[in-house]
PDB file of N, CA and C in Angstrom:
ATOM      1  N   MET A   1      97.377 110.160-165.774  1.00  0.00           N
ATOM      2  CA  MET A   1      96.469 109.032-165.763  1.00  0.00           C
ATOM      3  C   MET A   1      96.968 107.913-166.697  1.00  0.00           C
ATOM      4  N   ILE A   2      97.376 108.262-167.894  1.00  0.00           N
ATOM      5  CA  ILE A   2      97.873 107.265-168.853  1.00  0.00           C
ATOM      6  C   ILE A   2      99.145 106.622-168.317  1.00  0.00           C
ATOM      7  N   ASN A   3      99.998 107.425-167.709  1.00  0.00           N
ATOM      8  CA  ASN A   3     101.223 106.872-167.134  1.00  0.00           C
ATOM      9  C   ASN A   3     100.898 105.884-166.014  1.00  0.00           C
ATOM     10  N   SER A   4      99.878 106.168-165.251  1.00  0.00           N
ATOM     11  CA  SER A   4      99.457 105.283-164.169  1.00  0.00           C
ATOM     12  C   SER A   4      98.932 103.961-164.740  1.00  0.00           C
ATOM     13  N   ILE A   5      98.159 104.047-165.815  1.00  0.00           N
ATOM     14  CA  ILE A   5      97.624 102.838-166.474  1.00  0.00           C
ATOM     15  C   ILE A   5      98.772 102.037-167.070  1.00  0.00           C
ATOM     16  N   ASP A   6      99.701 102.736-167.715  1.00  0.00           N
ATOM     17  CA  ASP A   6     100.862 102.042-168.297  1.00  0.00           C
ATOM     18  C   ASP A   6     101.683 101.343-167.208  1.00  0.00           C
ATOM     19  N   ALA A   7     101.895 102.008-166.101  1.00  0.00           N
ATOM     20  CA  ALA A   7     102.657 101.437-164.998  1.00  0.00           C
ATOM     21  C   ALA A   7     101.931 100.230-164.417  1.00  0.00           C
ATOM     22  N   GLU A   8     100.622 100.335-164.237  1.00  0.00           N
ATOM     23  CA  GLU A   8      99.830  99.217-163.707  1.00  0.00           C
ATOM     24  C   GLU A   8      99.847  98.045-164.681  1.00  0.00           C
ATOM     25  N   THR A   9      99.714  98.328-165.957  1.00  0.00           N
ATOM     26  CA  THR A   9      99.745  97.281-166.988  1.00  0.00           C
ATOM     27  C   THR A   9     101.113  96.599-166.999  1.00  0.00           C
ATOM     28  N   GLU A  10     102.159  97.386-166.921  1.00  0.00           N
ATOM     29  CA  GLU A  10     103.518  96.846-166.908  1.00  0.00           C
ATOM     30  C   GLU A  10     103.731  95.972-165.672  1.00  0.00           C
ATOM     31  N   LEU A  11     103.249  96.397-164.532  1.00  0.00           N
ATOM     32  CA  LEU A  11     103.372  95.634-163.298  1.00  0.00           C
ATOM     33  C   LEU A  11     102.627  94.305-163.401  1.00  0.00           C
ATOM     34  N   GLN A  12     101.389  94.365-163.904  1.00  0.00           N
ATOM     35  CA  GLN A  12     100.613  93.131-164.064  1.00  0.00           C
ATOM     36  C   GLN A  12     101.280  92.200-165.073  1.00  0.00           C
ATOM     37  N   TYR A  13     101.785  92.755-166.159  1.00  0.00           N
ATOM     38  CA  TYR A  13     102.480  91.946-167.175  1.00  0.00           C
ATOM     39  C   TYR A  13     103.696  91.249-166.556  1.00  0.00           C
ATOM     40  N   ASN A  14     104.487  92.015-165.819  1.00  0.00           N
ATOM     41  CA  ASN A  14     105.682  91.443-165.185  1.00  0.00           C
ATOM     42  C   ASN A  14     105.321  90.379-164.160  1.00  0.00           C
ATOM     43  N   THR A  15     104.251  90.614-163.409  1.00  0.00           N
ATOM     44  CA  THR A  15     103.797  89.633-162.420  1.00  0.00           C
ATOM     45  C   THR A  15     103.357  88.340-163.101  1.00  0.00           C
ATOM     46  N   ILE A  16     102.564  88.470-164.144  1.00  0.00           N
ATOM     47  CA  ILE A  16     102.084  87.287-164.877  1.00  0.00           C
ATOM     48  C   ILE A  16     103.252  86.550-165.519  1.00  0.00           C
ATOM     49  N   THR A  17     104.172  87.271-166.113  1.00  0.00           N
ATOM     50  CA  THR A  17     105.342  86.657-166.742  1.00  0.00           C
ATOM     51  C   THR A  17     106.189  85.917-165.704  1.00  0.00           C
ATOM     52  N   ALA A  18     106.397  86.532-164.542  1.00  0.00           N
ATOM     53  CA  ALA A  18     107.176  85.885-163.479  1.00  0.00           C
ATOM     54  C   ALA A  18     106.490  84.605-163.007  1.00  0.00           C
ATOM     55  N   GLU A  19     105.176  84.660-162.825  1.00  0.00           N
ATOM     56  CA  GLU A  19     104.424  83.468-162.406  1.00  0.00           C
ATOM     57  C   GLU A  19     104.511  82.378-163.464  1.00  0.00           C
ATOM     58  N   ALA A  20     104.400  82.768-164.719  1.00  0.00           N
ATOM     59  CA  ALA A  20     104.494  81.789-165.816  1.00  0.00           C
ATOM     60  C   ALA A  20     105.879  81.148-165.843  1.00  0.00           C
ATOM     61  N   ASN A  21     106.909  81.961-165.617  1.00  0.00           N
ATOM     62  CA  ASN A  21     108.272  81.414-165.593  1.00  0.00           C
ATOM     63  C   ASN A  21     108.463  80.453-164.430  1.00  0.00           C
ATOM     64  N   LEU A  22     107.891  80.778-163.275  1.00  0.00           N
ATOM     65  CA  LEU A  22     107.972  79.873-162.132  1.00  0.00           C
ATOM     66  C   LEU A  22     107.264  78.553-162.421  1.00  0.00           C
ATOM     67  N   ILE A  23     106.099  78.643-163.019  1.00  0.00           N
ATOM     68  CA  ILE A  23     105.346  77.433-163.374  1.00  0.00           C
ATOM     69  C   ILE A  23     106.146  76.601-164.378  1.00  0.00           C
ATOM     70  N   GLU A  24     106.707  77.250-165.366  1.00  0.00           N
ATOM     71  CA  GLU A  24     107.509  76.548-166.374  1.00  0.00           C
ATOM     72  C   GLU A  24     108.708  75.857-165.716  1.00  0.00           C
ATOM     73  N   THR A  25     109.395  76.570-164.831  1.00  0.00           N
ATOM     74  CA  THR A  25     110.549  75.992-164.134  1.00  0.00           C
ATOM     75  C   THR A  25     110.131  74.776-163.314  1.00  0.00           C
ATOM     76  N   LYS A  26     109.008  74.881-162.620  1.00  0.00           N
ATOM     77  CA  LYS A  26     108.524  73.761-161.807  1.00  0.00           C
ATOM     78  C   LYS A  26     108.200  72.552-162.688  1.00  0.00           C
ATOM     79  N   ILE A  27     107.546  72.787-163.811  1.00  0.00           N
ATOM     80  CA  ILE A  27     107.193  71.696-164.725  1.00  0.00           C
ATOM     81  C   ILE A  27     108.450  71.022-165.257  1.00  0.00           C
ATOM     82  N   VAL A  28     109.435  71.809-165.659  1.00  0.00           N
ATOM     83  CA  VAL A  28     110.679  71.253-166.193  1.00  0.00           C
ATOM     84  C   VAL A  28     111.414  70.449-165.116  1.00  0.00           C
ATOM     85  N   GLU A  29     111.472  70.987-163.892  1.00  0.00           N
ATOM     86  CA  GLU A  29     112.137  70.268-162.798  1.00  0.00           C
ATOM     87  C   GLU A  29     111.441  68.947-162.495  1.00  0.00           C
ATOM     88  N   GLU A  30     110.115  68.971-162.469  1.00  0.00           N
ATOM     89  CA  GLU A  30     109.367  67.737-162.197  1.00  0.00           C
ATOM     90  C   GLU A  30     109.566  66.722-163.321  1.00  0.00           C
ATOM     91  N   ALA A  31     109.561  67.199-164.560  1.00  0.00           N
ATOM     92  CA  ALA A  31     109.759  66.299-165.700  1.00  0.00           C
ATOM     93  C   ALA A  31     111.169  65.710-165.681  1.00  0.00           C
ATOM     94  N   THR A  32     112.148  66.528-165.355  1.00  0.00           N
ATOM     95  CA  THR A  32     113.526  66.049-165.274  1.00  0.00           C
ATOM     96  C   THR A  32     113.671  65.015-164.170  1.00  0.00           C
ATOM     97  N   SER A  33     113.066  65.282-163.041  1.00  0.00           N
ATOM     98  CA  SER A  33     113.111  64.343-161.925  1.00  0.00           C
ATOM     99  C   SER A  33     112.455  63.015-162.303  1.00  0.00           C
ATOM    100  N   LYS A  34     111.292  63.113-162.927  1.00  0.00           N
ATOM    101  CA  LYS A  34     110.568  61.903-163.344  1.00  0.00           C
ATOM    102  C   LYS A  34     111.382  61.114-164.372  1.00  0.00           C
ATOM    103  N   ALA A  35     111.974  61.814-165.334  1.00  0.00           N
ATOM    104  CA  ALA A  35     112.779  61.153-166.359  1.00  0.00           C
ATOM    105  C   ALA A  35     113.997  60.471-165.735  1.00  0.00           C
ATOM    106  N   THR A  36     114.633  61.148-164.792  1.00  0.00           N
ATOM    107  CA  THR A  36     115.786  60.568-164.107  1.00  0.00           C
ATOM    108  C   THR A  36     115.391  59.309-163.354  1.00  0.00           C
ATOM    109  N   GLN A  37     114.259  59.355-162.693  1.00  0.00           N
ATOM    110  CA  GLN A  37     113.762  58.192-161.960  1.00  0.00           C
ATOM    111  C   GLN A  37     113.456  57.042-162.918  1.00  0.00           C
ATOM    112  N   MET A  38     112.809  57.351-164.028  1.00  0.00           N
ATOM    113  CA  MET A  38     112.465  56.311-165.004  1.00  0.00           C
ATOM    114  C   MET A  38     113.723  55.676-165.599  1.00  0.00           C
ATOM    115  N   ILE A  39     114.724  56.489-165.876  1.00  0.00           N
ATOM    116  CA  ILE A  39     115.984  55.968-166.422  1.00  0.00           C
ATOM    117  C   ILE A  39     116.650  55.059-165.395  1.00  0.00           C
ATOM    118  N   ALA A  40     116.661  55.479-164.146  1.00  0.00           N
ATOM    119  CA  ALA A  40     117.259  54.653-163.088  1.00  0.00           C
ATOM    120  C   ALA A  40     116.523  53.321-162.954  1.00  0.00           C
ATOM    121  N   GLU A  41     115.200  53.362-163.012  1.00  0.00           N
ATOM    122  CA  GLU A  41     114.416  52.127-162.919  1.00  0.00           C
ATOM    123  C   GLU A  41     114.689  51.222-164.124  1.00  0.00           C
ATOM    124  N   ALA A  42     114.795  51.811-165.300  1.00  0.00           N
ATOM    125  CA  ALA A  42     115.075  51.024-166.507  1.00  0.00           C
ATOM    126  C   ALA A  42     116.466  50.396-166.427  1.00  0.00           C
ATOM    127  N   ASP A  43     117.446  51.171-165.960  1.00  0.00           N
ATOM    128  CA  ASP A  43     118.797  50.631-165.808  1.00  0.00           C
ATOM    129  C   ASP A  43     118.827  49.482-164.812  1.00  0.00           C
ATOM    130  N   ALA A  44     118.129  49.655-163.702  1.00  0.00           N
ATOM    131  CA  ALA A  44     118.076  48.601-162.691  1.00  0.00           C
ATOM    132  C   ALA A  44     117.396  47.351-163.248  1.00  0.00           C
ATOM    133  N   TYR A  45     116.324  47.542-163.996  1.00  0.00           N
ATOM    134  CA  TYR A  45     115.619  46.403-164.597  1.00  0.00           C
ATOM    135  C   TYR A  45     116.526  45.672-165.579  1.00  0.00           C
ATOM    136  N   ARG A  46     117.240  46.455-166.400  1.00  0.00           N
ATOM    137  CA  ARG A  46     118.149  45.845-167.379  1.00  0.00           C
ATOM    138  C   ARG A  46     119.228  45.041-166.662  1.00  0.00           C
ATOM    139  N   THR A  47     119.827  45.631-165.646  1.00  0.00           N
ATOM    140  CA  THR A  47     120.893  44.951-164.906  1.00  0.00           C
ATOM    141  C   THR A  47     120.378  43.674-164.258  1.00  0.00           C
ATOM    142  N   THR A  48     119.219  43.762-163.630  1.00  0.00           N
ATOM    143  CA  THR A  48     118.625  42.592-162.981  1.00  0.00           C
ATOM    144  C   THR A  48     118.266  41.518-164.002  1.00  0.00           C
ATOM    145  N   THR A  49     117.700  41.934-165.113  1.00  0.00           N
ATOM    146  CA  THR A  49     117.294  40.978-166.147  1.00  0.00           C
ATOM    147  C   THR A  49     118.500  40.263-166.746  1.00  0.00           C
ATOM    148  N   ILE A  50     119.552  41.013-167.012  1.00  0.00           N
ATOM    149  CA  ILE A  50     120.770  40.407-167.573  1.00  0.00           C
ATOM    150  C   ILE A  50     121.384  39.430-166.572  1.00  0.00           C
ATOM    151  N   ALA A  51     121.465  39.844-165.318  1.00  0.00           N
ATOM    152  CA  ALA A  51     122.030  38.971-164.287  1.00  0.00           C
ATOM    153  C   ALA A  51     121.209  37.691-164.153  1.00  0.00           C
ATOM    154  N   LYS A  52     119.898  37.824-164.171  1.00  0.00           N
ATOM    155  CA  LYS A  52     119.018  36.648-164.066  1.00  0.00           C
ATOM    156  C   LYS A  52     119.195  35.730-165.270  1.00  0.00           C
ATOM    157  N   ALA A  53     119.274  36.325-166.456  1.00  0.00           N
ATOM    158  CA  ALA A  53     119.455  35.519-167.671  1.00  0.00           C
ATOM    159  C   ALA A  53     120.793  34.785-167.633  1.00  0.00           C
ATOM    160  N   GLN A  54     121.839  35.482-167.191  1.00  0.00           N
ATOM    161  CA  GLN A  54     123.153  34.829-167.090  1.00  0.00           C
ATOM    162  C   GLN A  54     123.117  33.689-166.078  1.00  0.00           C
ATOM    163  N   GLU A  55     122.420  33.919-164.992  1.00  0.00           N
ATOM    164  CA  GLU A  55     122.280  32.878-163.969  1.00  0.00           C
ATOM    165  C   GLU A  55     121.515  31.680-164.524  1.00  0.00           C
ATOM    166  N   ASP A  56     120.452  31.987-165.278  1.00  0.00           N
ATOM    167  CA  ASP A  56     119.616  30.916-165.827  1.00  0.00           C
ATOM    168  C   ASP A  56     120.373  30.056-166.841  1.00  0.00           C
ATOM    169  N   VAL A  57     121.243  30.661-167.631  1.00  0.00           N
ATOM    170  CA  VAL A  57     121.924  29.906-168.684  1.00  0.00           C
ATOM    171  C   VAL A  57     123.299  29.391-168.274  1.00  0.00           C
ATOM    172  N   ALA A  58     123.773  29.780-167.099  1.00  0.00           N
ATOM    173  CA  ALA A  58     125.109  29.358-166.666  1.00  0.00           C
ATOM    174  C   ALA A  58     125.226  27.831-166.661  1.00  0.00           C
ATOM    175  N   GLY A  59     124.231  27.150-166.145  1.00  0.00           N
ATOM    176  CA  GLY A  59     124.249  25.685-166.119  1.00  0.00           C
ATOM    177  C   GLY A  59     124.252  25.090-167.515  1.00  0.00           C
ATOM    178  N   LEU A  60     123.461  25.691-168.397  1.00  0.00           N
ATOM    179  CA  LEU A  60     123.409  25.194-169.780  1.00  0.00           C
ATOM    180  C   LEU A  60     124.751  25.396-170.480  1.00  0.00           C
ATOM    181  N   ILE A  61     125.378  26.531-170.237  1.00  0.00           N
ATOM    182  CA  ILE A  61     126.683  26.793-170.848  1.00  0.00           C
ATOM    183  C   ILE A  61     127.722  25.807-170.330  1.00  0.00           C
ATOM    184  N   ALA A  62     127.710  25.566-169.034  1.00  0.00           N
ATOM    185  CA  ALA A  62     128.650  24.607-168.443  1.00  0.00           C
ATOM    186  C   ALA A  62     128.434  23.217-169.030  1.00  0.00           C
ATOM    187  N   GLU A  63     127.187  22.825-169.165  1.00  0.00           N
ATOM    188  CA  GLU A  63     126.874  21.511-169.746  1.00  0.00           C
ATOM    189  C   GLU A  63     127.318  21.442-171.197  1.00  0.00           C
ATOM    190  N   ALA A  64     127.098  22.511-171.942  1.00  0.00           N
ATOM    191  CA  ALA A  64     127.512  22.539-173.349  1.00  0.00           C
ATOM    192  C   ALA A  64     129.023  22.434-173.476  1.00  0.00           C
ATOM    193  N   ILE A  65     129.740  23.121-172.619  1.00  0.00           N
ATOM    194  CA  ILE A  65     131.211  23.047-172.655  1.00  0.00           C
ATOM    195  C   ILE A  65     131.673  21.638-172.309  1.00  0.00           C
ATOM    196  N   LYS A  66     131.027  21.035-171.319  1.00  0.00           N
ATOM    197  CA  LYS A  66     131.369  19.662-170.931  1.00  0.00           C
ATOM    198  C   LYS A  66     131.121  18.706-172.098  1.00  0.00           C
ATOM    199  N   LEU A  67     129.959  18.840-172.729  1.00  0.00           N
ATOM    200  CA  LEU A  67     129.627  17.957-173.853  1.00  0.00           C
ATOM    201  C   LEU A  67     130.565  18.190-175.030  1.00  0.00           C
ATOM    202  N   GLU A  68     130.934  19.434-175.248  1.00  0.00           N
ATOM    203  CA  GLU A  68     131.871  19.737-176.335  1.00  0.00           C
ATOM    204  C   GLU A  68     133.221  19.067-176.062  1.00  0.00           C
ATOM    205  N   GLY A  69     133.664  19.117-174.803  1.00  0.00           N
ATOM    206  CA  GLY A  69     134.926  18.459-174.435  1.00  0.00           C
ATOM    207  C   GLY A  69     134.847  16.960-174.628  1.00  0.00           C
ATOM    208  N   GLU A  70     133.716  16.383-174.230  1.00  0.00           N
ATOM    209  CA  GLU A  70     133.541  14.933-174.400  1.00  0.00           C
ATOM    210  C   GLU A  70     133.534  14.557-175.880  1.00  0.00           C
ATOM    211  N   ALA A  71     132.859  15.361-176.684  1.00  0.00           N
ATOM    212  CA  ALA A  71     132.810  15.088-178.124  1.00  0.00           C
ATOM    213  C   ALA A  71     134.205  15.201-178.731  1.00  0.00           C
ATOM    214  N   GLU A  72     134.956  16.199-178.303  1.00  0.00           N
ATOM    215  CA  GLU A  72     136.317  16.372-178.811  1.00  0.00           C
ATOM    216  C   GLU A  72     137.192  15.178-178.444  1.00  0.00           C
ATOM    217  N   MET A  73     137.047  14.686-177.201  1.00  0.00           N
ATOM    218  CA  MET A  73     137.825  13.517-176.782  1.00  0.00           C
ATOM    219  C   MET A  73     137.447  12.285-177.612  1.00  0.00           C
ATOM    220  N   LYS A  74     136.152  12.114-177.885  1.00  0.00           N
ATOM    221  CA  LYS A  74     135.712  10.972-178.686  1.00  0.00           C
ATOM    222  C   LYS A  74     136.231  11.074-180.110  1.00  0.00           C
ATOM    223  N   LEU A  75     136.232  12.267-180.658  1.00  0.00           N
ATOM    224  CA  LEU A  75     136.775  12.457-182.005  1.00  0.00           C
ATOM    225  C   LEU A  75     138.265  12.125-182.030  1.00  0.00           C
ATOM    226  N   GLN A  76     138.994  12.616-181.050  1.00  0.00           N
ATOM    227  CA  GLN A  76     140.429  12.331-181.000  1.00  0.00           C
ATOM    228  C   GLN A  76     140.679  10.835-180.837  1.00  0.00           C
ATOM    229  N   LYS A  77     139.865  10.198-180.005  1.00  0.00           N
ATOM    230  CA  LYS A  77     140.004   8.755-179.802  1.00  0.00           C
ATOM    231  C   LYS A  77     139.693   8.014-181.103  1.00  0.00           C
ATOM    232  N   GLY A  78     138.641   8.477-181.790  1.00  0.00           N
ATOM    233  CA  GLY A  78     138.275   7.848-183.066  1.00  0.00           C
ATOM    234  C   GLY A  78     139.369   8.035-184.106  1.00  0.00           C
ATOM    235  N   PHE A  79     139.961   9.214-184.193  1.00  0.00           N
ATOM    236  CA  PHE A  79     141.058   9.444-185.142  1.00  0.00           C
ATOM    237  C   PHE A  79     142.274   8.595-184.783  1.00  0.00           C
ATOM    238  N   ALA A  80     142.536   8.440-183.490  1.00  0.00           N
ATOM    239  CA  ALA A  80     143.672   7.632-183.046  1.00  0.00           C
ATOM    240  C   ALA A  80     143.454   6.171-183.420  1.00  0.00           C
ATOM    241  N   GLN A  81     142.233   5.676-183.231  1.00  0.00           N
ATOM    242  CA  GLN A  81     141.935   4.291-183.593  1.00  0.00           C
ATOM    243  C   GLN A  81     142.022   4.095-185.099  1.00  0.00           C
ATOM    244  N   LYS A  82     141.590   5.082-185.866  1.00  0.00           N
ATOM    245  CA  LYS A  82     141.644   4.998-187.313  1.00  0.00           C
ATOM    246  C   LYS A  82     143.095   4.911-187.766  1.00  0.00           C
ATOM    247  N   ARG A  83     143.968   5.681-187.176  1.00  0.00           N
ATOM    248  CA  ARG A  83     145.380   5.675-187.552  1.00  0.00           C
ATOM    249  C   ARG A  83     146.025   4.335-187.216  1.00  0.00           C
ATOM    250  N   THR A  84     145.609   3.706-186.128  1.00  0.00           N
ATOM    251  CA  THR A  84     146.214   2.413-185.758  1.00  0.00           C
ATOM    252  C   THR A  84     145.766   1.315-186.714  1.00  0.00           C
ATOM    253  N   HIS A  85     144.620   1.477-187.362  1.00  0.00           N
ATOM    254  CA  HIS A  85     144.112   0.471-188.298  1.00  0.00           C
ATOM    255  C   HIS A  85     144.710   0.662-189.684  1.00  0.00           C
ATOM    256  N   GLU A  86     145.251   1.813-189.942  1.00  0.00           N
ATOM    257  CA  GLU A  86     145.769   2.067-191.313  1.00  0.00           C
ATOM    258  C   GLU A  86     147.074   1.457-191.555  1.00  0.00           C
TER     259      GLU A  86
END
């Protein structure tokens, strides 16, 4: 009788442990999947945001480079005129 109770208890314990392990595995898989999805979405957002920002400032950068070139030419012209007066 005691052996039968021990065997039944062991069987129930093993069944519960197996079910708990399955539940744990499912939770971990779902969490991993969710985390992977969130990382992919964050990466896509970062890439899109950077591309948009670069697009938005491209015109400003081009204008700044143009103005810098114009300023440099004016400085060189001013230095050249100064040298001719000396």
